[in-house]
Each structure stands twice: as C-alpha cells, then as structure tokens.
Full PDB file with SEQRES, HELIX, SHEET, SSBOND, CRYST1, ORIGX, SCALE, CONECT and MASTER records, all heavy atoms in Angstrom:
SEQRES   1 A   38  ASP PRO PRO CYS GLY GLN ALA ALA SER MET GLU PRO CYS          
SEQRES   2 A   38  PHE PHE ALA ALA PRO ASN TYR ASN LEU TRP LYS LYS GLN          
SEQRES   3 A   38  TRP LEU ASP PRO SER THR VAL VAL PRO HIS VAL LYS              
HELIX    1 AA1 PRO A   30  THR A   32  5                                   3    
SHEET    1 AA1 2 TYR A  20  ASN A  21  0                                        
SHEET    2 AA1 2 GLN A  26  TRP A  27 -1                                        
CRYST1    1.000    1.000    1.000  90.00  90.00  90.00 P 1           1          
ORIGX1      1.000000  0.000000  0.000000        0.00000                         
ORIGX2      0.000000  1.000000  0.000000        0.00000                         
ORIGX3      0.000000  0.000000  1.000000        0.00000                         
SCALE1      1.000000  0.000000  0.000000        0.00000                         
SCALE2      0.000000  1.000000  0.000000        0.00000                         
SCALE3      0.000000  0.000000  1.000000        0.00000                         
ATOM      1  N   ASP A   1     112.414 104.251  96.481  1.00  0.00           N  
ATOM      2  CA  ASP A   1     110.964 104.116  96.418  1.00  0.00           C  
ATOM      3  C   ASP A   1     110.531 103.031  97.413  1.00  0.00           C  
ATOM      4  O   ASP A   1     110.804 101.854  97.182  1.00  0.00           O  
ATOM      5  CB  ASP A   1     110.529 103.746  94.996  1.00  0.00           C  
ATOM      6  CG  ASP A   1     109.008 103.723  94.861  1.00  0.00           C  
ATOM      7  OD1 ASP A   1     108.330 104.314  95.733  1.00  0.00           O  
ATOM      8  OD2 ASP A   1     108.516 103.095  93.906  1.00  0.00           O  
ATOM      9  N   PRO A   2     109.918 103.420  98.519  1.00  0.00           N  
ATOM     10  CA  PRO A   2     109.493 104.764  98.916  1.00  0.00           C  
ATOM     11  C   PRO A   2     110.680 105.638  99.325  1.00  0.00           C  
ATOM     12  O   PRO A   2     111.736 105.116  99.689  1.00  0.00           O  
ATOM     13  CB  PRO A   2     108.563 104.490 100.105  1.00  0.00           C  
ATOM     14  CG  PRO A   2     109.084 103.224 100.696  1.00  0.00           C  
ATOM     15  CD  PRO A   2     109.554 102.404  99.534  1.00  0.00           C  
ATOM     16  N   PRO A   3     110.485 106.959  99.305  1.00  0.00           N  
ATOM     17  CA  PRO A   3     111.615 107.848  99.609  1.00  0.00           C  
ATOM     18  C   PRO A   3     111.969 107.887 101.093  1.00  0.00           C  
ATOM     19  O   PRO A   3     113.096 108.252 101.442  1.00  0.00           O  
ATOM     20  CB  PRO A   3     111.126 109.217  99.127  1.00  0.00           C  
ATOM     21  CG  PRO A   3     109.638 109.129  99.235  1.00  0.00           C  
ATOM     22  CD  PRO A   3     109.285 107.711  98.904  1.00  0.00           C  
ATOM     23  N   CYS A   4     111.017 107.559 101.948  1.00  0.00           N  
ATOM     24  CA  CYS A   4     111.274 107.628 103.382  1.00  0.00           C  
ATOM     25  C   CYS A   4     110.251 106.772 104.109  1.00  0.00           C  
ATOM     26  O   CYS A   4     109.268 106.295 103.514  1.00  0.00           O  
ATOM     27  CB  CYS A   4     111.199 109.076 103.889  1.00  0.00           C  
ATOM     28  SG  CYS A   4     109.555 109.833 103.740  1.00  0.00           S  
ATOM     29  N   GLY A   5     110.484 106.570 105.376  1.00  0.00           N  
ATOM     30  CA  GLY A   5     109.542 105.834 106.219  1.00  0.00           C  
ATOM     31  C   GLY A   5     109.655 106.338 107.640  1.00  0.00           C  
ATOM     32  O   GLY A   5     110.699 106.840 108.057  1.00  0.00           O  
ATOM     33  N   GLN A   6     108.566 106.204 108.389  1.00  0.00           N  
ATOM     34  CA  GLN A   6     108.602 106.674 109.770  1.00  0.00           C  
ATOM     35  C   GLN A   6     109.350 105.671 110.632  1.00  0.00           C  
ATOM     36  O   GLN A   6     109.108 104.472 110.580  1.00  0.00           O  
ATOM     37  CB  GLN A   6     107.199 106.897 110.317  1.00  0.00           C  
ATOM     38  CG  GLN A   6     107.188 107.644 111.639  1.00  0.00           C  
ATOM     39  CD  GLN A   6     105.824 108.166 112.018  1.00  0.00           C  
ATOM     40  OE1 GLN A   6     104.804 107.591 111.641  1.00  0.00           O  
ATOM     41  NE2 GLN A   6     105.779 109.258 112.764  1.00  0.00           N  
ATOM     42  N   ALA A   7     110.273 106.185 111.440  1.00  0.00           N  
ATOM     43  CA  ALA A   7     111.091 105.322 112.298  1.00  0.00           C  
ATOM     44  C   ALA A   7     110.212 104.589 113.300  1.00  0.00           C  
ATOM     45  O   ALA A   7     109.180 105.096 113.751  1.00  0.00           O  
ATOM     46  CB  ALA A   7     112.141 106.156 113.024  1.00  0.00           C  
ATOM     47  N   ALA A   8     110.621 103.386 113.658  1.00  0.00           N  
ATOM     48  CA  ALA A   8     109.881 102.592 114.630  1.00  0.00           C  
ATOM     49  C   ALA A   8     109.955 103.177 116.024  1.00  0.00           C  
ATOM     50  O   ALA A   8     109.155 102.836 116.889  1.00  0.00           O  
ATOM     51  CB  ALA A   8     110.425 101.156 114.639  1.00  0.00           C  
ATOM     52  N   SER A   9     110.912 104.071 116.232  1.00  0.00           N  
ATOM     53  CA  SER A   9     111.148 104.613 117.564  1.00  0.00           C  
ATOM     54  C   SER A   9     111.864 105.948 117.419  1.00  0.00           C  
ATOM     55  O   SER A   9     112.478 106.228 116.390  1.00  0.00           O  
ATOM     56  CB  SER A   9     112.003 103.632 118.376  1.00  0.00           C  
ATOM     57  OG  SER A   9     112.507 104.210 119.547  1.00  0.00           O  
ATOM     58  N   MET A  10     111.789 106.780 118.453  1.00  0.00           N  
ATOM     59  CA  MET A  10     112.574 108.014 118.447  1.00  0.00           C  
ATOM     60  C   MET A  10     113.964 107.777 119.020  1.00  0.00           C  
ATOM     61  O   MET A  10     114.751 108.711 119.156  1.00  0.00           O  
ATOM     62  CB  MET A  10     111.870 109.104 119.252  1.00  0.00           C  
ATOM     63  CG  MET A  10     111.599 108.780 120.692  1.00  0.00           C  
ATOM     64  SD  MET A  10     110.691 110.137 121.479  1.00  0.00           S  
ATOM     65  CE  MET A  10     110.204 109.374 123.030  1.00  0.00           C  
ATOM     66  N   GLU A  11     114.304 106.531 119.340  1.00  0.00           N  
ATOM     67  CA  GLU A  11     115.604 106.199 119.895  1.00  0.00           C  
ATOM     68  C   GLU A  11     116.693 106.210 118.817  1.00  0.00           C  
ATOM     69  O   GLU A  11     116.444 105.822 117.665  1.00  0.00           O  
ATOM     70  CB  GLU A  11     115.570 104.807 120.529  1.00  0.00           C  
ATOM     71  CG  GLU A  11     115.024 104.789 121.939  1.00  0.00           C  
ATOM     72  CD  GLU A  11     116.012 105.380 122.926  1.00  0.00           C  
ATOM     73  OE1 GLU A  11     117.129 104.843 123.075  1.00  0.00           O  
ATOM     74  OE2 GLU A  11     115.671 106.392 123.562  1.00  0.00           O  
ATOM     75  N   PRO A  12     117.930 106.612 119.172  1.00  0.00           N  
ATOM     76  CA  PRO A  12     119.052 106.503 118.235  1.00  0.00           C  
ATOM     77  C   PRO A  12     119.435 105.047 117.987  1.00  0.00           C  
ATOM     78  O   PRO A  12     119.054 104.135 118.737  1.00  0.00           O  
ATOM     79  CB  PRO A  12     120.190 107.244 118.955  1.00  0.00           C  
ATOM     80  CG  PRO A  12     119.520 108.076 120.005  1.00  0.00           C  
ATOM     81  CD  PRO A  12     118.301 107.314 120.406  1.00  0.00           C  
ATOM     82  N   CYS A  13     120.219 104.849 116.950  1.00  0.00           N  
ATOM     83  CA  CYS A  13     120.717 103.517 116.598  1.00  0.00           C  
ATOM     84  C   CYS A  13     122.124 103.326 117.164  1.00  0.00           C  
ATOM     85  O   CYS A  13     122.945 104.243 117.147  1.00  0.00           O  
ATOM     86  CB  CYS A  13     120.742 103.357 115.084  1.00  0.00           C  
ATOM     87  SG  CYS A  13     121.303 101.740 114.493  1.00  0.00           S  
ATOM     88  N   PHE A  14     122.382 102.130 117.672  1.00  0.00           N  
ATOM     89  CA  PHE A  14     123.714 101.716 118.119  1.00  0.00           C  
ATOM     90  C   PHE A  14     124.353 100.979 116.954  1.00  0.00           C  
ATOM     91  O   PHE A  14     123.946  99.880 116.600  1.00  0.00           O  
ATOM     92  CB  PHE A  14     123.578 100.829 119.359  1.00  0.00           C  
ATOM     93  CG  PHE A  14     124.854 100.198 119.863  1.00  0.00           C  
ATOM     94  CD1 PHE A  14     126.104 100.715 119.562  1.00  0.00           C  
ATOM     95  CD2 PHE A  14     124.802  99.076 120.687  1.00  0.00           C  
ATOM     96  CE1 PHE A  14     127.263 100.142 120.032  1.00  0.00           C  
ATOM     97  CE2 PHE A  14     125.965  98.494 121.172  1.00  0.00           C  
ATOM     98  CZ  PHE A  14     127.187  99.018 120.839  1.00  0.00           C  
ATOM     99  N   PHE A  15     125.376 101.576 116.344  1.00  0.00           N  
ATOM    100  CA  PHE A  15     125.915 101.060 115.091  1.00  0.00           C  
ATOM    101  C   PHE A  15     126.822  99.837 115.255  1.00  0.00           C  
ATOM    102  O   PHE A  15     127.056  99.112 114.291  1.00  0.00           O  
ATOM    103  CB  PHE A  15     126.730 102.153 114.380  1.00  0.00           C  
ATOM    104  CG  PHE A  15     125.897 103.309 113.906  1.00  0.00           C  
ATOM    105  CD1 PHE A  15     126.369 104.611 114.013  1.00  0.00           C  
ATOM    106  CD2 PHE A  15     124.645 103.115 113.352  1.00  0.00           C  
ATOM    107  CE1 PHE A  15     125.623 105.690 113.569  1.00  0.00           C  
ATOM    108  CE2 PHE A  15     123.881 104.185 112.905  1.00  0.00           C  
ATOM    109  CZ  PHE A  15     124.373 105.477 113.022  1.00  0.00           C  
ATOM    110  N   ALA A  16     127.391  99.634 116.423  1.00  0.00           N  
ATOM    111  CA  ALA A  16     128.419  98.591 116.580  1.00  0.00           C  
ATOM    112  C   ALA A  16     128.039  97.626 117.695  1.00  0.00           C  
ATOM    113  O   ALA A  16     128.770  97.433 118.662  1.00  0.00           O  
ATOM    114  CB  ALA A  16     129.781  99.223 116.859  1.00  0.00           C  
ATOM    115  N   ALA A  17     126.888  97.021 117.556  1.00  0.00           N  
ATOM    116  CA  ALA A  17     126.378  96.135 118.604  1.00  0.00           C  
ATOM    117  C   ALA A  17     127.200  94.845 118.688  1.00  0.00           C  
ATOM    118  O   ALA A  17     127.760  94.387 117.690  1.00  0.00           O  
ATOM    119  CB  ALA A  17     124.917  95.801 118.328  1.00  0.00           C  
ATOM    120  N   PRO A  18     127.288  94.236 119.871  1.00  0.00           N  
ATOM    121  CA  PRO A  18     128.015  92.960 119.999  1.00  0.00           C  
ATOM    122  C   PRO A  18     127.240  91.823 119.347  1.00  0.00           C  
ATOM    123  O   PRO A  18     126.011  91.736 119.484  1.00  0.00           O  
ATOM    124  CB  PRO A  18     128.100  92.771 121.523  1.00  0.00           C  
ATOM    125  CG  PRO A  18     126.908  93.483 122.052  1.00  0.00           C  
ATOM    126  CD  PRO A  18     126.701  94.673 121.153  1.00  0.00           C  
ATOM    127  N   ASN A  19     127.925  90.973 118.630  1.00  0.00           N  
ATOM    128  CA  ASN A  19     127.269  89.805 118.021  1.00  0.00           C  
ATOM    129  C   ASN A  19     127.972  88.500 118.398  1.00  0.00           C  
ATOM    130  O   ASN A  19     127.781  87.473 117.754  1.00  0.00           O  
ATOM    131  CB  ASN A  19     127.213  89.945 116.498  1.00  0.00           C  
ATOM    132  CG  ASN A  19     128.590  90.109 115.881  1.00  0.00           C  
ATOM    133  OD1 ASN A  19     129.619  90.068 116.567  1.00  0.00           O  
ATOM    134  ND2 ASN A  19     128.625  90.305 114.569  1.00  0.00           N  
ATOM    135  N   TYR A  20     128.809  88.577 119.443  1.00  0.00           N  
ATOM    136  CA  TYR A  20     129.513  87.383 119.902  1.00  0.00           C  
ATOM    137  C   TYR A  20     129.641  87.458 121.415  1.00  0.00           C  
ATOM    138  O   TYR A  20     130.077  88.478 121.969  1.00  0.00           O  
ATOM    139  CB  TYR A  20     130.910  87.301 119.269  1.00  0.00           C  
ATOM    140  CG  TYR A  20     131.687  86.067 119.636  1.00  0.00           C  
ATOM    141  CD1 TYR A  20     131.342  84.825 119.105  1.00  0.00           C  
ATOM    142  CD2 TYR A  20     132.768  86.129 120.518  1.00  0.00           C  
ATOM    143  CE1 TYR A  20     132.054  83.684 119.438  1.00  0.00           C  
ATOM    144  CE2 TYR A  20     133.491  84.987 120.855  1.00  0.00           C  
ATOM    145  CZ  TYR A  20     133.123  83.776 120.317  1.00  0.00           C  
ATOM    146  OH  TYR A  20     133.830  82.639 120.654  1.00  0.00           O  
ATOM    147  N   ASN A  21     129.237  86.365 122.084  1.00  0.00           N  
ATOM    148  CA  ASN A  21     129.380  86.275 123.531  1.00  0.00           C  
ATOM    149  C   ASN A  21     130.661  85.512 123.832  1.00  0.00           C  
ATOM    150  O   ASN A  21     130.733  84.292 123.670  1.00  0.00           O  
ATOM    151  CB  ASN A  21     128.168  85.576 124.157  1.00  0.00           C  
ATOM    152  CG  ASN A  21     128.184  85.663 125.671  1.00  0.00           C  
ATOM    153  OD1 ASN A  21     129.235  85.543 126.311  1.00  0.00           O  
ATOM    154  ND2 ASN A  21     127.013  85.846 126.261  1.00  0.00           N  
ATOM    155  N   LEU A  22     131.684  86.277 124.250  1.00  0.00           N  
ATOM    156  CA  LEU A  22     133.001  85.689 124.481  1.00  0.00           C  
ATOM    157  C   LEU A  22     132.972  84.638 125.574  1.00  0.00           C  
ATOM    158  O   LEU A  22     133.705  83.649 125.518  1.00  0.00           O  
ATOM    159  CB  LEU A  22     133.975  86.815 124.859  1.00  0.00           C  
ATOM    160  CG  LEU A  22     135.452  86.456 124.957  1.00  0.00           C  
ATOM    161  CD1 LEU A  22     136.017  86.212 123.568  1.00  0.00           C  
ATOM    162  CD2 LEU A  22     136.231  87.569 125.653  1.00  0.00           C  
ATOM    163  N   TRP A  23     132.125  84.834 126.563  1.00  0.00           N  
ATOM    164  CA  TRP A  23     132.092  83.930 127.716  1.00  0.00           C  
ATOM    165  C   TRP A  23     131.461  82.591 127.349  1.00  0.00           C  
ATOM    166  O   TRP A  23     131.870  81.544 127.839  1.00  0.00           O  
ATOM    167  CB  TRP A  23     131.322  84.591 128.862  1.00  0.00           C  
ATOM    168  CG  TRP A  23     131.789  85.980 129.114  1.00  0.00           C  
ATOM    169  CD1 TRP A  23     131.215  87.134 128.668  1.00  0.00           C  
ATOM    170  CD2 TRP A  23     132.962  86.371 129.826  1.00  0.00           C  
ATOM    171  NE1 TRP A  23     131.947  88.221 129.064  1.00  0.00           N  
ATOM    172  CE2 TRP A  23     133.023  87.792 129.785  1.00  0.00           C  
ATOM    173  CE3 TRP A  23     133.963  85.673 130.505  1.00  0.00           C  
ATOM    174  CZ2 TRP A  23     134.040  88.506 130.391  1.00  0.00           C  
ATOM    175  CZ3 TRP A  23     134.971  86.394 131.114  1.00  0.00           C  
ATOM    176  CH2 TRP A  23     135.000  87.789 131.049  1.00  0.00           C  
ATOM    177  N   LYS A  24     130.469  82.642 126.450  1.00  0.00           N  
ATOM    178  CA  LYS A  24     129.796  81.398 126.036  1.00  0.00           C  
ATOM    179  C   LYS A  24     130.316  80.871 124.709  1.00  0.00           C  
ATOM    180  O   LYS A  24     129.832  79.835 124.227  1.00  0.00           O  
ATOM    181  CB  LYS A  24     128.290  81.650 125.928  1.00  0.00           C  
ATOM    182  CG  LYS A  24     127.640  82.020 127.256  1.00  0.00           C  
ATOM    183  CD  LYS A  24     126.144  82.256 127.088  1.00  0.00           C  
ATOM    184  CE  LYS A  24     125.503  82.606 128.423  1.00  0.00           C  
ATOM    185  NZ  LYS A  24     124.041  82.863 128.280  1.00  0.00           N  
ATOM    186  N   LYS A  25     131.314  81.577 124.125  1.00  0.00           N  
ATOM    187  CA  LYS A  25     131.868  81.187 122.829  1.00  0.00           C  
ATOM    188  C   LYS A  25     130.751  81.009 121.803  1.00  0.00           C  
ATOM    189  O   LYS A  25     130.676  80.011 121.079  1.00  0.00           O  
ATOM    190  CB  LYS A  25     132.681  79.884 122.942  1.00  0.00           C  
ATOM    191  CG  LYS A  25     133.708  79.866 124.052  1.00  0.00           C  
ATOM    192  CD  LYS A  25     134.806  80.876 123.823  1.00  0.00           C  
ATOM    193  CE  LYS A  25     135.880  80.805 124.902  1.00  0.00           C  
ATOM    194  NZ  LYS A  25     136.886  81.875 124.775  1.00  0.00           N  
ATOM    195  N   GLN A  26     129.894  82.010 121.718  1.00  0.00           N  
ATOM    196  CA  GLN A  26     128.668  81.856 120.935  1.00  0.00           C  
ATOM    197  C   GLN A  26     128.389  83.099 120.089  1.00  0.00           C  
ATOM    198  O   GLN A  26     128.373  84.211 120.599  1.00  0.00           O  
ATOM    199  CB  GLN A  26     127.495  81.610 121.901  1.00  0.00           C  
ATOM    200  CG  GLN A  26     126.154  81.476 121.237  1.00  0.00           C  
ATOM    201  CD  GLN A  26     125.034  81.330 122.256  1.00  0.00           C  
ATOM    202  OE1 GLN A  26     125.217  81.618 123.443  1.00  0.00           O  
ATOM    203  NE2 GLN A  26     123.895  80.859 121.818  1.00  0.00           N  
ATOM    204  N   TRP A  27     128.201  82.882 118.778  1.00  0.00           N  
ATOM    205  CA  TRP A  27     127.719  83.954 117.913  1.00  0.00           C  
ATOM    206  C   TRP A  27     126.212  84.086 118.103  1.00  0.00           C  
ATOM    207  O   TRP A  27     125.522  83.093 118.348  1.00  0.00           O  
ATOM    208  CB  TRP A  27     128.029  83.648 116.452  1.00  0.00           C  
ATOM    209  CG  TRP A  27     129.489  83.659 116.143  1.00  0.00           C  
ATOM    210  CD1 TRP A  27     130.330  82.576 116.114  1.00  0.00           C  
ATOM    211  CD2 TRP A  27     130.292  84.798 115.830  1.00  0.00           C  
ATOM    212  NE1 TRP A  27     131.608  82.962 115.807  1.00  0.00           N  
ATOM    213  CE2 TRP A  27     131.623  84.328 115.626  1.00  0.00           C  
ATOM    214  CE3 TRP A  27     130.035  86.154 115.710  1.00  0.00           C  
ATOM    215  CZ2 TRP A  27     132.666  85.179 115.314  1.00  0.00           C  
ATOM    216  CZ3 TRP A  27     131.076  87.000 115.385  1.00  0.00           C  
ATOM    217  CH2 TRP A  27     132.367  86.512 115.189  1.00  0.00           C  
ATOM    218  N   LEU A  28     125.706  85.296 117.989  1.00  0.00           N  
ATOM    219  CA  LEU A  28     124.275  85.486 118.225  1.00  0.00           C  
ATOM    220  C   LEU A  28     123.781  86.714 117.491  1.00  0.00           C  
ATOM    221  O   LEU A  28     124.569  87.587 117.095  1.00  0.00           O  
ATOM    222  CB  LEU A  28     123.982  85.620 119.713  1.00  0.00           C  
ATOM    223  CG  LEU A  28     124.297  86.972 120.392  1.00  0.00           C  
ATOM    224  CD1 LEU A  28     123.519  87.096 121.676  1.00  0.00           C  
ATOM    225  CD2 LEU A  28     125.784  87.104 120.671  1.00  0.00           C  
ATOM    226  N   ASP A  29     122.468  86.760 117.311  1.00  0.00           N  
ATOM    227  CA  ASP A  29     121.806  87.940 116.779  1.00  0.00           C  
ATOM    228  C   ASP A  29     121.312  88.742 117.974  1.00  0.00           C  
ATOM    229  O   ASP A  29     120.371  88.327 118.660  1.00  0.00           O  
ATOM    230  CB  ASP A  29     120.631  87.529 115.897  1.00  0.00           C  
ATOM    231  CG  ASP A  29     119.860  88.719 115.331  1.00  0.00           C  
ATOM    232  OD1 ASP A  29     120.200  89.872 115.687  1.00  0.00           O  
ATOM    233  OD2 ASP A  29     118.917  88.492 114.552  1.00  0.00           O  
ATOM    234  N   PRO A  30     121.934  89.889 118.286  1.00  0.00           N  
ATOM    235  CA  PRO A  30     121.563  90.619 119.498  1.00  0.00           C  
ATOM    236  C   PRO A  30     120.129  91.121 119.485  1.00  0.00           C  
ATOM    237  O   PRO A  30     119.568  91.420 120.544  1.00  0.00           O  
ATOM    238  CB  PRO A  30     122.567  91.772 119.547  1.00  0.00           C  
ATOM    239  CG  PRO A  30     123.028  91.942 118.139  1.00  0.00           C  
ATOM    240  CD  PRO A  30     123.004  90.577 117.536  1.00  0.00           C  
ATOM    241  N   SER A  31     119.513  91.203 118.284  1.00  0.00           N  
ATOM    242  CA  SER A  31     118.130  91.690 118.219  1.00  0.00           C  
ATOM    243  C   SER A  31     117.128  90.660 118.723  1.00  0.00           C  
ATOM    244  O   SER A  31     115.930  90.961 118.823  1.00  0.00           O  
ATOM    245  CB  SER A  31     117.778  92.094 116.783  1.00  0.00           C  
ATOM    246  OG  SER A  31     117.733  90.957 115.936  1.00  0.00           O  
ATOM    247  N   THR A  32     117.602  89.452 119.049  1.00  0.00           N  
ATOM    248  CA  THR A  32     116.701  88.398 119.546  1.00  0.00           C  
ATOM    249  C   THR A  32     116.813  88.189 121.049  1.00  0.00           C  
ATOM    250  O   THR A  32     116.122  87.332 121.603  1.00  0.00           O  
ATOM    251  CB  THR A  32     117.004  87.066 118.841  1.00  0.00           C  
ATOM    252  OG1 THR A  32     118.353  86.655 119.164  1.00  0.00           O  
ATOM    253  CG2 THR A  32     116.886  87.200 117.330  1.00  0.00           C  
ATOM    254  N   VAL A  33     117.679  88.945 121.719  1.00  0.00           N  
ATOM    255  CA  VAL A  33     117.922  88.708 123.148  1.00  0.00           C  
ATOM    256  C   VAL A  33     116.747  89.175 123.994  1.00  0.00           C  
ATOM    257  O   VAL A  33     116.271  88.461 124.895  1.00  0.00           O  
ATOM    258  CB  VAL A  33     119.222  89.398 123.591  1.00  0.00           C  
ATOM    259  CG1 VAL A  33     119.445  89.239 125.097  1.00  0.00           C  
ATOM    260  CG2 VAL A  33     120.418  88.834 122.827  1.00  0.00           C  
ATOM    261  N   VAL A  34     116.274  90.389 123.741  1.00  0.00           N  
ATOM    262  CA  VAL A  34     115.111  90.926 124.456  1.00  0.00           C  
ATOM    263  C   VAL A  34     114.155  91.527 123.426  1.00  0.00           C  
ATOM    264  O   VAL A  34     114.595  92.035 122.384  1.00  0.00           O  
ATOM    265  CB  VAL A  34     115.513  91.991 125.507  1.00  0.00           C  
ATOM    266  CG1 VAL A  34     116.190  91.352 126.699  1.00  0.00           C  
ATOM    267  CG2 VAL A  34     116.421  93.050 124.909  1.00  0.00           C  
ATOM    268  N   PRO A  35     112.846  91.495 123.679  1.00  0.00           N  
ATOM    269  CA  PRO A  35     111.884  91.898 122.641  1.00  0.00           C  
ATOM    270  C   PRO A  35     111.926  93.366 122.276  1.00  0.00           C  
ATOM    271  O   PRO A  35     111.477  93.731 121.182  1.00  0.00           O  
ATOM    272  CB  PRO A  35     110.528  91.517 123.255  1.00  0.00           C  
ATOM    273  CG  PRO A  35     110.765  91.411 124.721  1.00  0.00           C  
ATOM    274  CD  PRO A  35     112.183  90.950 124.881  1.00  0.00           C  
ATOM    275  N   HIS A  36     112.419  94.237 123.152  1.00  0.00           N  
ATOM    276  CA  HIS A  36     112.392  95.671 122.865  1.00  0.00           C  
ATOM    277  C   HIS A  36     113.708  96.180 122.291  1.00  0.00           C  
ATOM    278  O   HIS A  36     113.909  97.386 122.194  1.00  0.00           O  
ATOM    279  CB  HIS A  36     112.028  96.464 124.121  1.00  0.00           C  
ATOM    280  CG  HIS A  36     112.735  96.013 125.348  1.00  0.00           C  
ATOM    281  ND1 HIS A  36     112.251  95.000 126.145  1.00  0.00           N  
ATOM    282  CD2 HIS A  36     113.891  96.421 125.918  1.00  0.00           C  
ATOM    283  CE1 HIS A  36     113.088  94.811 127.158  1.00  0.00           C  
ATOM    284  NE2 HIS A  36     114.090  95.652 127.030  1.00  0.00           N  
ATOM    285  N   VAL A  37     114.618  95.289 121.919  1.00  0.00           N  
ATOM    286  CA  VAL A  37     115.856  95.669 121.228  1.00  0.00           C  
ATOM    287  C   VAL A  37     115.827  95.035 119.838  1.00  0.00           C  
ATOM    288  O   VAL A  37     115.858  93.807 119.713  1.00  0.00           O  
ATOM    289  CB  VAL A  37     117.108  95.216 122.003  1.00  0.00           C  
ATOM    290  CG1 VAL A  37     118.372  95.543 121.211  1.00  0.00           C  
ATOM    291  CG2 VAL A  37     117.164  95.892 123.366  1.00  0.00           C  
ATOM    292  N   LYS A  38     115.732  95.874 118.804  1.00  0.00           N  
ATOM    293  CA  LYS A  38     115.570  95.389 117.438  1.00  0.00           C  
ATOM    294  C   LYS A  38     116.626  95.993 116.525  1.00  0.00           C  
ATOM    295  O   LYS A  38     117.311  96.952 116.880  1.00  0.00           O  
ATOM    296  CB  LYS A  38     114.170  95.757 116.909  1.00  0.00           C  
ATOM    297  CG  LYS A  38     113.024  95.145 117.702  1.00  0.00           C  
ATOM    298  CD  LYS A  38     113.033  93.627 117.617  1.00  0.00           C  
ATOM    299  CE  LYS A  38     111.853  93.008 118.342  1.00  0.00           C  
ATOM    300  NZ  LYS A  38     111.937  91.534 118.348  1.00  0.00           N  
TER     301      LYS A  38                                                      
MASTER        0    0    0    1    2    0    0    6  300    1    0    3          
END                                                                             
C-alpha cells in the first residue's frame, strides 16, 4: 500500500553500482556524484 508507483524514469536500473573508489580509498554514495544519477 500503495500497490504501485510511476517510475521516475523510463531508464533501467543498474543493480551493482560501485560504492568504493579504489584509487581514492574512499567509500561513497554513487547517487550523489552527479545530479541525474539517482
């Protein structure tokens, strides 16, 4: 409840996004890197 909702985009979801920058030795939330990636 609710049973469904309209997707924010017609784009597919990337299920296994990177959350660690090996070069900077830094954990991060990838959804904060650029405004159009959520």
